[in-house]
């Protein structure tokens, strides 16, 4: 029997502070109508000055562990995707490890921007399949508000903070993570990046984006890799119960769904209330879907993402 990573528990966490589009209109020249029409976003959550990325990750991890009926002591590996770590080092995953009472195994971060959760999922899933871990904790978390330029009306309305986590468990059966494909093309790094870095200018910097190029590549790359992962594993769009893409922008999501031939009623959307939370986007949406009773055991879930790098990928999961 094939060993797969079964999703034993999902958990999400959002900071308490909520900023509506009207709130954003007080900061920059914009409006609720403009933001909703172009992005589908109606609100976003922001962490306060004292709240760190690890704080959000710890809450999401604890919620996922509770859903799985496990404790931190049961976890063999933590893989955390983020571009907004607490510090340059140590890894934000180390703080999560200590907080949940995990004293063995390993914990580390990886950076793949909005594809971060899929990259982390692929890494942890491989470790489970190889017998290197029985229980893995995969986290996508961001505090993007801390690297957002609130004078840039084209980007500041897009992003939010949050964390999502999944507990993977070694399992003999047909359900679980069927496959995850990941890709990158560094030639497009100048189209989406942060203006700071330790070896570049000793600063954190702010998000800078060529929106036209990001939209163009995201619409194609997310659709193409979704089709690839389906075909590779013998499935079609008709077999998919829920399409849970990276929640970046409703126009991108609609374009990807249309290119795939995915019916609108199968697209799970949280971008309206979460905004773009980068690596946290997909796990937050998955946790939200389970909480709302939309995502159920046995269903086939297709989740693509694309982020800075460019990085992109798609995961096929049987809940």
C-alpha atoms as a PDB file:
ATOM      1  CA  UNK A   1       0.000   0.000   0.000  1.00  0.00           C
ATOM      2  CA  UNK A   2       1.230   3.484  -0.882  1.00  0.00           C
ATOM      3  CA  UNK A   3       2.269   5.699   2.042  1.00  0.00           C
ATOM      4  CA  UNK A   4       0.759   9.148   1.740  1.00  0.00           C
ATOM      5  CA  UNK A   5       0.533  12.243   3.885  1.00  0.00           C
ATOM      6  CA  UNK A   6      -3.005  12.468   5.190  1.00  0.00           C
ATOM      7  CA  UNK A   7      -4.160  15.905   6.346  1.00  0.00           C
ATOM      8  CA  UNK A   8      -5.040  15.084   9.930  1.00  0.00           C
ATOM      9  CA  UNK A   9      -5.852  18.655  10.966  1.00  0.00           C
ATOM     10  CA  UNK A  10      -6.079  22.200   9.662  1.00  0.00           C
ATOM     11  CA  UNK A  11      -5.883  25.459  11.578  1.00  0.00           C
ATOM     12  CA  UNK A  12      -5.884  29.149  10.787  1.00  0.00           C
ATOM     13  CA  UNK A  13      -5.322  32.359  12.686  1.00  0.00           C
ATOM     14  CA  UNK A  14      -5.913  36.018  11.869  1.00  0.00           C
ATOM     15  CA  UNK A  15      -4.871  39.098  13.872  1.00  0.00           C
ATOM     16  CA  UNK A  16      -7.698  40.939  15.626  1.00  0.00           C
ATOM     17  CA  UNK A  17      -7.281  44.270  13.842  1.00  0.00           C
ATOM     18  CA  UNK A  18      -9.445  44.529  10.717  1.00  0.00           C
ATOM     19  CA  UNK A  19      -9.056  47.272   8.139  1.00  0.00           C
ATOM     20  CA  UNK A  20     -11.878  47.856   5.663  1.00  0.00           C
ATOM     21  CA  UNK A  21     -11.496  49.427   2.252  1.00  0.00           C
ATOM     22  CA  UNK A  22     -12.948  52.625   3.683  1.00  0.00           C
ATOM     23  CA  UNK A  23     -10.160  52.569   6.278  1.00  0.00           C
ATOM     24  CA  UNK A  24      -7.599  52.256   3.486  1.00  0.00           C
ATOM     25  CA  UNK A  25      -9.210  55.196   1.676  1.00  0.00           C
ATOM     26  CA  UNK A  26      -8.234  57.351   4.639  1.00  0.00           C
ATOM     27  CA  UNK A  27      -4.563  56.459   4.053  1.00  0.00           C
ATOM     28  CA  UNK A  28      -4.231  56.654   0.264  1.00  0.00           C
ATOM     29  CA  UNK A  29      -6.322  57.899  -2.652  1.00  0.00           C
ATOM     30  CA  UNK A  30      -8.624  54.941  -3.267  1.00  0.00           C
ATOM     31  CA  UNK A  31     -12.186  53.793  -2.641  1.00  0.00           C
ATOM     32  CA  UNK A  32     -14.124  50.699  -1.682  1.00  0.00           C
ATOM     33  CA  UNK A  33     -15.594  50.509  -5.184  1.00  0.00           C
ATOM     34  CA  UNK A  34     -12.155  50.730  -6.834  1.00  0.00           C
ATOM     35  CA  UNK A  35     -10.624  48.025  -4.618  1.00  0.00           C
ATOM     36  CA  UNK A  36     -13.542  45.604  -4.859  1.00  0.00           C
ATOM     37  CA  UNK A  37     -13.815  45.974  -8.633  1.00  0.00           C
ATOM     38  CA  UNK A  38     -10.125  45.327  -9.265  1.00  0.00           C
ATOM     39  CA  UNK A  39      -9.291  42.827  -6.525  1.00  0.00           C
ATOM     40  CA  UNK A  40     -12.426  41.473  -4.854  1.00  0.00           C
ATOM     41  CA  UNK A  41     -10.962  42.486  -1.479  1.00  0.00           C
ATOM     42  CA  UNK A  42     -13.273  44.081   1.102  1.00  0.00           C
ATOM     43  CA  UNK A  43     -11.110  43.874   4.220  1.00  0.00           C
ATOM     44  CA  UNK A  44      -7.797  42.624   5.586  1.00  0.00           C
ATOM     45  CA  UNK A  45      -6.289  41.788   8.995  1.00  0.00           C
ATOM     46  CA  UNK A  46      -3.181  43.543  10.306  1.00  0.00           C
ATOM     47  CA  UNK A  47      -0.885  42.479  13.137  1.00  0.00           C
ATOM     48  CA  UNK A  48      -0.028  45.194  15.646  1.00  0.00           C
ATOM     49  CA  UNK A  49       3.503  46.425  16.329  1.00  0.00           C
ATOM     50  CA  UNK A  50       4.141  43.900  19.101  1.00  0.00           C
ATOM     51  CA  UNK A  51       2.790  40.863  17.240  1.00  0.00           C
ATOM     52  CA  UNK A  52       5.386  38.850  15.360  1.00  0.00           C
ATOM     53  CA  UNK A  53       5.068  36.348  12.560  1.00  0.00           C
ATOM     54  CA  UNK A  54       5.811  33.520  14.991  1.00  0.00           C
ATOM     55  CA  UNK A  55       2.874  34.582  17.179  1.00  0.00           C
ATOM     56  CA  UNK A  56       0.467  34.036  14.296  1.00  0.00           C
ATOM     57  CA  UNK A  57       2.172  30.782  13.320  1.00  0.00           C
ATOM     58  CA  UNK A  58       1.972  29.414  16.858  1.00  0.00           C
ATOM     59  CA  UNK A  59      -1.778  30.073  17.078  1.00  0.00           C
ATOM     60  CA  UNK A  60      -2.409  28.413  13.707  1.00  0.00           C
ATOM     61  CA  UNK A  61      -0.192  25.458  14.650  1.00  0.00           C
ATOM     62  CA  UNK A  62      -2.006  24.946  17.930  1.00  0.00           C
ATOM     63  CA  UNK A  63      -5.372  25.034  16.156  1.00  0.00           C
ATOM     64  CA  UNK A  64      -4.191  22.470  13.600  1.00  0.00           C
ATOM     65  CA  UNK A  65      -2.775  20.203  16.301  1.00  0.00           C
ATOM     66  CA  UNK A  66      -6.055  20.382  18.228  1.00  0.00           C
ATOM     67  CA  UNK A  67      -7.984  19.451  15.082  1.00  0.00           C
ATOM     68  CA  UNK A  68      -5.637  16.498  14.554  1.00  0.00           C
ATOM     69  CA  UNK A  69      -5.851  15.353  18.174  1.00  0.00           C
ATOM     70  CA  UNK A  70      -2.080  15.630  18.567  1.00  0.00           C
ATOM     71  CA  UNK A  71       0.401  17.617  20.625  1.00  0.00           C
ATOM     72  CA  UNK A  72       3.682  19.250  19.713  1.00  0.00           C
ATOM     73  CA  UNK A  73       5.523  16.250  21.142  1.00  0.00           C
ATOM     74  CA  UNK A  74       4.031  14.123  18.345  1.00  0.00           C
ATOM     75  CA  UNK A  75       5.514  16.245  15.558  1.00  0.00           C
ATOM     76  CA  UNK A  76       8.714  15.142  13.812  1.00  0.00           C
ATOM     77  CA  UNK A  77       9.244  18.105  11.486  1.00  0.00           C
ATOM     78  CA  UNK A  78       8.019  21.671  11.014  1.00  0.00           C
ATOM     79  CA  UNK A  79       8.340  23.286   7.595  1.00  0.00           C
ATOM     80  CA  UNK A  80       7.344  26.935   7.612  1.00  0.00           C
ATOM     81  CA  UNK A  81       6.894  29.091   4.515  1.00  0.00           C
ATOM     82  CA  UNK A  82       7.221  32.851   4.933  1.00  0.00           C
ATOM     83  CA  UNK A  83       8.887  35.954   3.505  1.00  0.00           C
ATOM     84  CA  UNK A  84       8.322  37.914   6.721  1.00  0.00           C
ATOM     85  CA  UNK A  85      10.306  36.036   9.393  1.00  0.00           C
ATOM     86  CA  UNK A  86      10.677  37.321  12.945  1.00  0.00           C
ATOM     87  CA  UNK A  87      14.405  37.753  12.439  1.00  0.00           C
ATOM     88  CA  UNK A  88      17.017  37.041   9.785  1.00  0.00           C
ATOM     89  CA  UNK A  89      17.876  34.054  11.990  1.00  0.00           C
ATOM     90  CA  UNK A  90      17.020  31.783  13.685  1.00  0.00           C
ATOM     91  CA  UNK A  91      14.205  30.314  11.641  1.00  0.00           C
ATOM     92  CA  UNK A  92      10.711  31.361  12.671  1.00  0.00           C
ATOM     93  CA  UNK A  93       9.940  27.633  12.807  1.00  0.00           C
ATOM     94  CA  UNK A  94      12.297  27.367  15.776  1.00  0.00           C
ATOM     95  CA  UNK A  95      10.076  29.660  17.832  1.00  0.00           C
ATOM     96  CA  UNK A  96       7.037  27.602  16.860  1.00  0.00           C
ATOM     97  CA  UNK A  97       8.858  24.409  17.813  1.00  0.00           C
ATOM     98  CA  UNK A  98       9.631  25.726  21.292  1.00  0.00           C
ATOM     99  CA  UNK A  99       6.112  27.097  21.823  1.00  0.00           C
ATOM    100  CA  UNK A 100       4.281  23.867  20.985  1.00  0.00           C
ATOM    101  CA  UNK A 101       6.534  21.668  23.126  1.00  0.00           C
ATOM    102  CA  UNK A 102       8.303  19.866  20.289  1.00  0.00           C
ATOM    103  CA  UNK A 103      11.775  18.925  21.527  1.00  0.00           C
ATOM    104  CA  UNK A 104      12.895  16.434  18.870  1.00  0.00           C
ATOM    105  CA  UNK A 105      12.999  16.279  15.116  1.00  0.00           C
ATOM    106  CA  UNK A 106      13.727  19.392  13.069  1.00  0.00           C
ATOM    107  CA  UNK A 107      12.158  22.744  12.251  1.00  0.00           C
ATOM    108  CA  UNK A 108      13.091  25.085   9.424  1.00  0.00           C
ATOM    109  CA  UNK A 109      11.855  27.882   7.164  1.00  0.00           C
ATOM    110  CA  UNK A 110      11.752  28.177   3.407  1.00  0.00           C
ATOM    111  CA  UNK A 111      11.104  31.189   1.202  1.00  0.00           C
ATOM    112  CA  UNK A 112       8.947  30.901  -1.908  1.00  0.00           C
ATOM    113  CA  UNK A 113       6.643  33.901  -1.367  1.00  0.00           C
ATOM    114  CA  UNK A 114       3.004  33.179  -2.258  1.00  0.00           C
ATOM    115  CA  UNK A 115       3.951  29.620  -3.236  1.00  0.00           C
ATOM    116  CA  UNK A 116       5.499  29.096   0.191  1.00  0.00           C
ATOM    117  CA  UNK A 117       2.838  26.765   1.546  1.00  0.00           C
ATOM    118  CA  UNK A 118       2.988  24.513  -1.518  1.00  0.00           C
ATOM    119  CA  UNK A 119       6.789  24.374  -1.351  1.00  0.00           C
ATOM    120  CA  UNK A 120       6.571  23.537   2.370  1.00  0.00           C
ATOM    121  CA  UNK A 121       3.871  20.948   1.699  1.00  0.00           C
ATOM    122  CA  UNK A 122       5.987  19.285  -0.991  1.00  0.00           C
ATOM    123  CA  UNK A 123       9.003  19.175   1.327  1.00  0.00           C
ATOM    124  CA  UNK A 124       7.136  17.747   4.314  1.00  0.00           C
ATOM    125  CA  UNK A 125       5.181  15.290   2.158  1.00  0.00           C
ATOM    126  CA  UNK A 126       8.415  13.943   0.687  1.00  0.00           C
ATOM    127  CA  UNK A 127       9.813  13.401   4.192  1.00  0.00           C
ATOM    128  CA  UNK A 128       6.685  11.507   5.212  1.00  0.00           C
ATOM    129  CA  UNK A 129       6.710   9.358   2.061  1.00  0.00           C
ATOM    130  CA  UNK A 130      10.378   8.495   2.637  1.00  0.00           C
ATOM    131  CA  UNK A 131       9.681   7.430   6.208  1.00  0.00           C
ATOM    132  CA  UNK A 132      11.691  10.321   7.665  1.00  0.00           C
ATOM    133  CA  UNK A 133       8.668  11.680   9.551  1.00  0.00           C
ATOM    134  CA  UNK A 134       5.407  10.250  10.826  1.00  0.00           C
ATOM    135  CA  UNK A 135       3.756  13.563  11.719  1.00  0.00           C
ATOM    136  CA  UNK A 136       4.668  16.843  10.040  1.00  0.00           C
ATOM    137  CA  UNK A 137       3.482  20.382  10.654  1.00  0.00           C
ATOM    138  CA  UNK A 138       3.299  22.597   7.558  1.00  0.00           C
ATOM    139  CA  UNK A 139       2.776  26.321   8.091  1.00  0.00           C
ATOM    140  CA  UNK A 140       2.238  29.302   5.805  1.00  0.00           C
ATOM    141  CA  UNK A 141       2.426  32.609   7.654  1.00  0.00           C
ATOM    142  CA  UNK A 142       2.953  36.284   6.875  1.00  0.00           C
ATOM    143  CA  UNK A 143       2.897  39.726   8.437  1.00  0.00           C
ATOM    144  CA  UNK A 144       2.969  41.533   5.114  1.00  0.00           C
ATOM    145  CA  UNK A 145       1.721  44.758   6.683  1.00  0.00           C
ATOM    146  CA  UNK A 146       5.227  45.166   8.086  1.00  0.00           C
ATOM    147  CA  UNK A 147       6.771  45.333   4.589  1.00  0.00           C
ATOM    148  CA  UNK A 148       3.943  47.221   2.867  1.00  0.00           C
ATOM    149  CA  UNK A 149       4.437  50.762   1.594  1.00  0.00           C
ATOM    150  CA  UNK A 150       1.257  52.524   2.694  1.00  0.00           C
ATOM    151  CA  UNK A 151       1.918  55.405   0.306  1.00  0.00           C
ATOM    152  CA  UNK A 152       1.661  53.075  -2.705  1.00  0.00           C
ATOM    153  CA  UNK A 153      -2.027  52.825  -3.591  1.00  0.00           C
ATOM    154  CA  UNK A 154      -1.381  50.044  -6.102  1.00  0.00           C
ATOM    155  CA  UNK A 155      -0.003  47.593  -3.540  1.00  0.00           C
ATOM    156  CA  UNK A 156      -1.021  48.632  -0.021  1.00  0.00           C
ATOM    157  CA  UNK A 157      -4.668  47.632  -0.500  1.00  0.00           C
ATOM    158  CA  UNK A 158      -3.757  44.110  -1.628  1.00  0.00           C
ATOM    159  CA  UNK A 159      -2.116  42.528   1.388  1.00  0.00           C
ATOM    160  CA  UNK A 160      -3.053  41.198   4.806  1.00  0.00           C
ATOM    161  CA  UNK A 161      -1.579  39.214   7.682  1.00  0.00           C
ATOM    162  CA  UNK A 162      -2.425  35.708   8.812  1.00  0.00           C
ATOM    163  CA  UNK A 163      -1.318  32.122   9.322  1.00  0.00           C
ATOM    164  CA  UNK A 164      -2.526  28.717   8.242  1.00  0.00           C
ATOM    165  CA  UNK A 165      -1.259  25.287   9.247  1.00  0.00           C
ATOM    166  CA  UNK A 166      -1.757  21.659   8.307  1.00  0.00           C
ATOM    167  CA  UNK A 167      -0.774  18.525  10.189  1.00  0.00           C
ATOM    168  CA  UNK A 168       0.357  15.774   7.843  1.00  0.00           C
ATOM    169  CA  UNK A 169       0.309  12.180   9.056  1.00  0.00           C
ATOM    170  CA  UNK A 170       1.742   9.057   7.441  1.00  0.00           C
ATOM    171  CA  UNK A 171      -1.164   7.031   6.149  1.00  0.00           C
ATOM    172  CA  UNK A 172      -1.813   3.943   4.049  1.00  0.00           C
ATOM    173  CA  UNK A 173      -4.741   4.722   1.795  1.00  0.00           C
ATOM    174  CA  UNK A 174      -6.049   6.643  -1.175  1.00  0.00           C
ATOM    175  CA  UNK A 175      -6.743   9.897   0.622  1.00  0.00           C
ATOM    176  CA  UNK A 176      -4.095  12.475   1.446  1.00  0.00           C
ATOM    177  CA  UNK A 177      -1.626  14.525  -0.603  1.00  0.00           C
ATOM    178  CA  UNK A 178      -1.744  12.865  -4.000  1.00  0.00           C
ATOM    179  CA  UNK A 179       0.865  15.069  -5.654  1.00  0.00           C
ATOM    180  CA  UNK A 180       2.404  18.547  -5.527  1.00  0.00           C
ATOM    181  CA  UNK A 181       4.282  20.091  -8.437  1.00  0.00           C
ATOM    182  CA  UNK A 182       6.527  23.121  -7.894  1.00  0.00           C
ATOM    183  CA  UNK A 183       8.319  25.346 -10.390  1.00  0.00           C
ATOM    184  CA  UNK A 184      10.348  28.559 -10.554  1.00  0.00           C
ATOM    185  CA  UNK A 185      11.831  30.959 -13.091  1.00  0.00           C
ATOM    186  CA  UNK A 186      14.284  33.459 -11.634  1.00  0.00           C
ATOM    187  CA  UNK A 187      14.273  35.606 -14.756  1.00  0.00           C
ATOM    188  CA  UNK A 188      11.113  37.236 -13.422  1.00  0.00           C
ATOM    189  CA  UNK A 189      12.495  38.171  -9.997  1.00  0.00           C
ATOM    190  CA  UNK A 190      12.532  41.920 -10.910  1.00  0.00           C
ATOM    191  CA  UNK A 191       8.736  41.872 -11.363  1.00  0.00           C
ATOM    192  CA  UNK A 192       7.938  41.187  -7.703  1.00  0.00           C
ATOM    193  CA  UNK A 193      10.398  41.784  -4.881  1.00  0.00           C
ATOM    194  CA  UNK A 194      11.154  43.533  -1.596  1.00  0.00           C
ATOM    195  CA  UNK A 195      13.387  46.584  -1.788  1.00  0.00           C
ATOM    196  CA  UNK A 196      15.492  45.507   1.188  1.00  0.00           C
ATOM    197  CA  UNK A 197      17.705  42.651   2.330  1.00  0.00           C
ATOM    198  CA  UNK A 198      20.587  41.966   4.765  1.00  0.00           C
ATOM    199  CA  UNK A 199      23.298  41.734   2.111  1.00  0.00           C
ATOM    200  CA  UNK A 200      21.673  44.252  -0.231  1.00  0.00           C
ATOM    201  CA  UNK A 201      21.118  47.327   1.928  1.00  0.00           C
ATOM    202  CA  UNK A 202      20.761  46.136   5.542  1.00  0.00           C
ATOM    203  CA  UNK A 203      17.043  47.007   5.486  1.00  0.00           C
ATOM    204  CA  UNK A 204      13.758  45.103   5.411  1.00  0.00           C
ATOM    205  CA  UNK A 205      12.355  47.100   2.499  1.00  0.00           C
ATOM    206  CA  UNK A 206       8.895  47.235   0.956  1.00  0.00           C
ATOM    207  CA  UNK A 207       6.924  45.181  -1.555  1.00  0.00           C
ATOM    208  CA  UNK A 208       7.367  46.318  -5.167  1.00  0.00           C
ATOM    209  CA  UNK A 209       5.314  44.766  -7.945  1.00  0.00           C
ATOM    210  CA  UNK A 210       4.842  44.952 -11.690  1.00  0.00           C
ATOM    211  CA  UNK A 211       1.145  44.170 -11.515  1.00  0.00           C
ATOM    212  CA  UNK A 212       0.635  43.667 -15.239  1.00  0.00           C
ATOM    213  CA  UNK A 213       3.387  41.044 -15.504  1.00  0.00           C
ATOM    214  CA  UNK A 214       2.336  39.276 -12.312  1.00  0.00           C
ATOM    215  CA  UNK A 215      -1.244  39.026 -13.557  1.00  0.00           C
ATOM    216  CA  UNK A 216      -0.166  37.749 -16.966  1.00  0.00           C
ATOM    217  CA  UNK A 217       2.127  35.030 -15.652  1.00  0.00           C
ATOM    218  CA  UNK A 218      -0.109  34.017 -12.733  1.00  0.00           C
ATOM    219  CA  UNK A 219      -3.107  33.492 -15.001  1.00  0.00           C
ATOM    220  CA  UNK A 220      -1.133  31.182 -17.273  1.00  0.00           C
ATOM    221  CA  UNK A 221       1.235  29.446 -14.849  1.00  0.00           C
ATOM    222  CA  UNK A 222      -1.360  28.565 -12.217  1.00  0.00           C
ATOM    223  CA  UNK A 223      -3.734  27.169 -14.826  1.00  0.00           C
ATOM    224  CA  UNK A 224      -1.075  25.221 -16.709  1.00  0.00           C
ATOM    225  CA  UNK A 225       0.450  23.563 -13.641  1.00  0.00           C
ATOM    226  CA  UNK A 226      -3.039  22.733 -12.345  1.00  0.00           C
ATOM    227  CA  UNK A 227      -3.802  20.977 -15.614  1.00  0.00           C
ATOM    228  CA  UNK A 228      -0.425  19.227 -15.434  1.00  0.00           C
ATOM    229  CA  UNK A 229      -0.911  17.834 -11.927  1.00  0.00           C
ATOM    230  CA  UNK A 230      -4.404  16.608 -12.850  1.00  0.00           C
ATOM    231  CA  UNK A 231      -3.253  14.885 -16.032  1.00  0.00           C
ATOM    232  CA  UNK A 232      -0.183  13.363 -14.379  1.00  0.00           C
ATOM    233  CA  UNK A 233      -2.383  11.658 -11.795  1.00  0.00           C
ATOM    234  CA  UNK A 234      -5.225  10.613 -14.091  1.00  0.00           C
ATOM    235  CA  UNK A 235      -7.810  13.212 -13.138  1.00  0.00           C
ATOM    236  CA  UNK A 236      -9.773  15.891 -14.989  1.00  0.00           C
ATOM    237  CA  UNK A 237     -11.368  19.151 -13.940  1.00  0.00           C
ATOM    238  CA  UNK A 238     -14.670  17.289 -13.619  1.00  0.00           C
ATOM    239  CA  UNK A 239     -13.178  15.138 -10.845  1.00  0.00           C
ATOM    240  CA  UNK A 240     -12.304  18.158  -8.690  1.00  0.00           C
ATOM    241  CA  UNK A 241     -14.735  18.930  -5.871  1.00  0.00           C
ATOM    242  CA  UNK A 242     -13.157  22.227  -4.821  1.00  0.00           C
ATOM    243  CA  UNK A 243     -10.684  24.592  -6.447  1.00  0.00           C
ATOM    244  CA  UNK A 244      -8.807  26.426  -3.675  1.00  0.00           C
ATOM    245  CA  UNK A 245      -6.267  28.700  -5.359  1.00  0.00           C
ATOM    246  CA  UNK A 246      -3.918  31.245  -3.831  1.00  0.00           C
ATOM    247  CA  UNK A 247      -6.163  34.123  -2.812  1.00  0.00           C
ATOM    248  CA  UNK A 248      -4.289  36.988  -4.462  1.00  0.00           C
ATOM    249  CA  UNK A 249      -6.850  38.798  -6.539  1.00  0.00           C
ATOM    250  CA  UNK A 250     -10.329  37.792  -7.691  1.00  0.00           C
ATOM    251  CA  UNK A 251      -9.478  38.695 -11.292  1.00  0.00           C
ATOM    252  CA  UNK A 252      -6.502  36.339 -11.284  1.00  0.00           C
ATOM    253  CA  UNK A 253      -8.574  33.590  -9.677  1.00  0.00           C
ATOM    254  CA  UNK A 254     -11.351  34.027 -12.242  1.00  0.00           C
ATOM    255  CA  UNK A 255      -8.851  34.021 -15.118  1.00  0.00           C
ATOM    256  CA  UNK A 256      -7.218  30.796 -13.898  1.00  0.00           C
ATOM    257  CA  UNK A 257     -10.583  29.085 -13.372  1.00  0.00           C
ATOM    258  CA  UNK A 258     -11.754  30.142 -16.846  1.00  0.00           C
ATOM    259  CA  UNK A 259      -8.553  28.923 -18.490  1.00  0.00           C
ATOM    260  CA  UNK A 260      -8.961  25.546 -16.755  1.00  0.00           C
ATOM    261  CA  UNK A 261     -12.673  25.305 -17.469  1.00  0.00           C
ATOM    262  CA  UNK A 262     -13.367  25.206 -13.739  1.00  0.00           C
ATOM    263  CA  UNK A 263     -17.008  26.038 -12.847  1.00  0.00           C
ATOM    264  CA  UNK A 264     -17.381  29.133 -10.660  1.00  0.00           C
ATOM    265  CA  UNK A 265     -19.381  27.186  -8.082  1.00  0.00           C
ATOM    266  CA  UNK A 266     -16.319  25.012  -7.375  1.00  0.00           C
ATOM    267  CA  UNK A 267     -14.030  27.962  -6.562  1.00  0.00           C
ATOM    268  CA  UNK A 268     -13.563  28.585  -2.838  1.00  0.00           C
ATOM    269  CA  UNK A 269     -12.991  32.292  -2.188  1.00  0.00           C
ATOM    270  CA  UNK A 270     -11.679  34.028   0.921  1.00  0.00           C
ATOM    271  CA  UNK A 271      -9.808  36.930  -0.685  1.00  0.00           C
ATOM    272  CA  UNK A 272     -12.728  39.239   0.115  1.00  0.00           C
ATOM    273  CA  UNK A 273     -12.154  38.909   3.869  1.00  0.00           C
ATOM    274  CA  UNK A 274      -8.463  37.964   4.105  1.00  0.00           C
ATOM    275  CA  UNK A 275      -6.869  39.843   1.161  1.00  0.00           C
ATOM    276  CA  UNK A 276      -3.567  38.442  -0.124  1.00  0.00           C
ATOM    277  CA  UNK A 277      -1.785  36.740   2.774  1.00  0.00           C
ATOM    278  CA  UNK A 278       0.921  35.200   0.556  1.00  0.00           C
ATOM    279  CA  UNK A 279       2.140  31.866   2.001  1.00  0.00           C
ATOM    280  CA  UNK A 280      -0.767  31.809   4.467  1.00  0.00           C
ATOM    281  CA  UNK A 281      -3.375  32.139   1.730  1.00  0.00           C
ATOM    282  CA  UNK A 282      -4.058  28.502   0.800  1.00  0.00           C
ATOM    283  CA  UNK A 283      -3.934  26.947   4.299  1.00  0.00           C
ATOM    284  CA  UNK A 284      -6.141  29.760   5.632  1.00  0.00           C
ATOM    285  CA  UNK A 285      -8.642  29.090   2.836  1.00  0.00           C
ATOM    286  CA  UNK A 286      -8.549  25.338   3.481  1.00  0.00           C
ATOM    287  CA  UNK A 287      -9.125  25.821   7.214  1.00  0.00           C
ATOM    288  CA  UNK A 288     -11.926  28.294   6.497  1.00  0.00           C
ATOM    289  CA  UNK A 289     -13.563  25.886   4.064  1.00  0.00           C
ATOM    290  CA  UNK A 290     -13.526  23.059   6.607  1.00  0.00           C
ATOM    291  CA  UNK A 291     -14.879  25.340   9.327  1.00  0.00           C
ATOM    292  CA  UNK A 292     -17.755  26.429   7.071  1.00  0.00           C
ATOM    293  CA  UNK A 293     -18.559  22.817   6.231  1.00  0.00           C
ATOM    294  CA  UNK A 294     -17.732  23.220   2.539  1.00  0.00           C
ATOM    295  CA  UNK A 295     -14.648  21.012   2.401  1.00  0.00           C
ATOM    296  CA  UNK A 296     -15.381  17.474   3.508  1.00  0.00           C
ATOM    297  CA  UNK A 297     -13.600  14.167   3.893  1.00  0.00           C
ATOM    298  CA  UNK A 298     -13.180  12.315   0.615  1.00  0.00           C
ATOM    299  CA  UNK A 299     -13.337  15.394  -1.582  1.00  0.00           C
ATOM    300  CA  UNK A 300     -10.680  16.146  -4.198  1.00  0.00           C
ATOM    301  CA  UNK A 301      -9.046  19.554  -3.726  1.00  0.00           C
ATOM    302  CA  UNK A 302      -6.908  21.360  -6.316  1.00  0.00           C
ATOM    303  CA  UNK A 303      -4.756  24.255  -5.061  1.00  0.00           C
ATOM    304  CA  UNK A 304      -2.376  26.283  -7.271  1.00  0.00           C
ATOM    305  CA  UNK A 305      -0.315  29.352  -6.353  1.00  0.00           C
ATOM    306  CA  UNK A 306       2.218  31.740  -7.844  1.00  0.00           C
ATOM    307  CA  UNK A 307       4.558  34.152  -6.104  1.00  0.00           C
ATOM    308  CA  UNK A 308       7.743  36.168  -6.297  1.00  0.00           C
ATOM    309  CA  UNK A 309      10.692  34.506  -7.942  1.00  0.00           C
ATOM    310  CA  UNK A 310       8.626  33.703  -9.941  1.00  0.00           C
ATOM    311  CA  UNK A 311       7.656  30.550  -8.077  1.00  0.00           C
ATOM    312  CA  UNK A 312       4.514  28.543  -8.701  1.00  0.00           C
ATOM    313  CA  UNK A 313       2.982  25.176  -8.062  1.00  0.00           C
ATOM    314  CA  UNK A 314      -0.172  23.108  -7.601  1.00  0.00           C
ATOM    315  CA  UNK A 315      -1.223  20.493  -5.112  1.00  0.00           C
ATOM    316  CA  UNK A 316      -3.830  17.751  -5.502  1.00  0.00           C
ATOM    317  CA  UNK A 317      -5.262  16.529  -2.203  1.00  0.00           C
ATOM    318  CA  UNK A 318      -7.913  14.004  -1.242  1.00  0.00           C
ATOM    319  CA  UNK A 319      -9.230  15.119   2.151  1.00  0.00           C
END
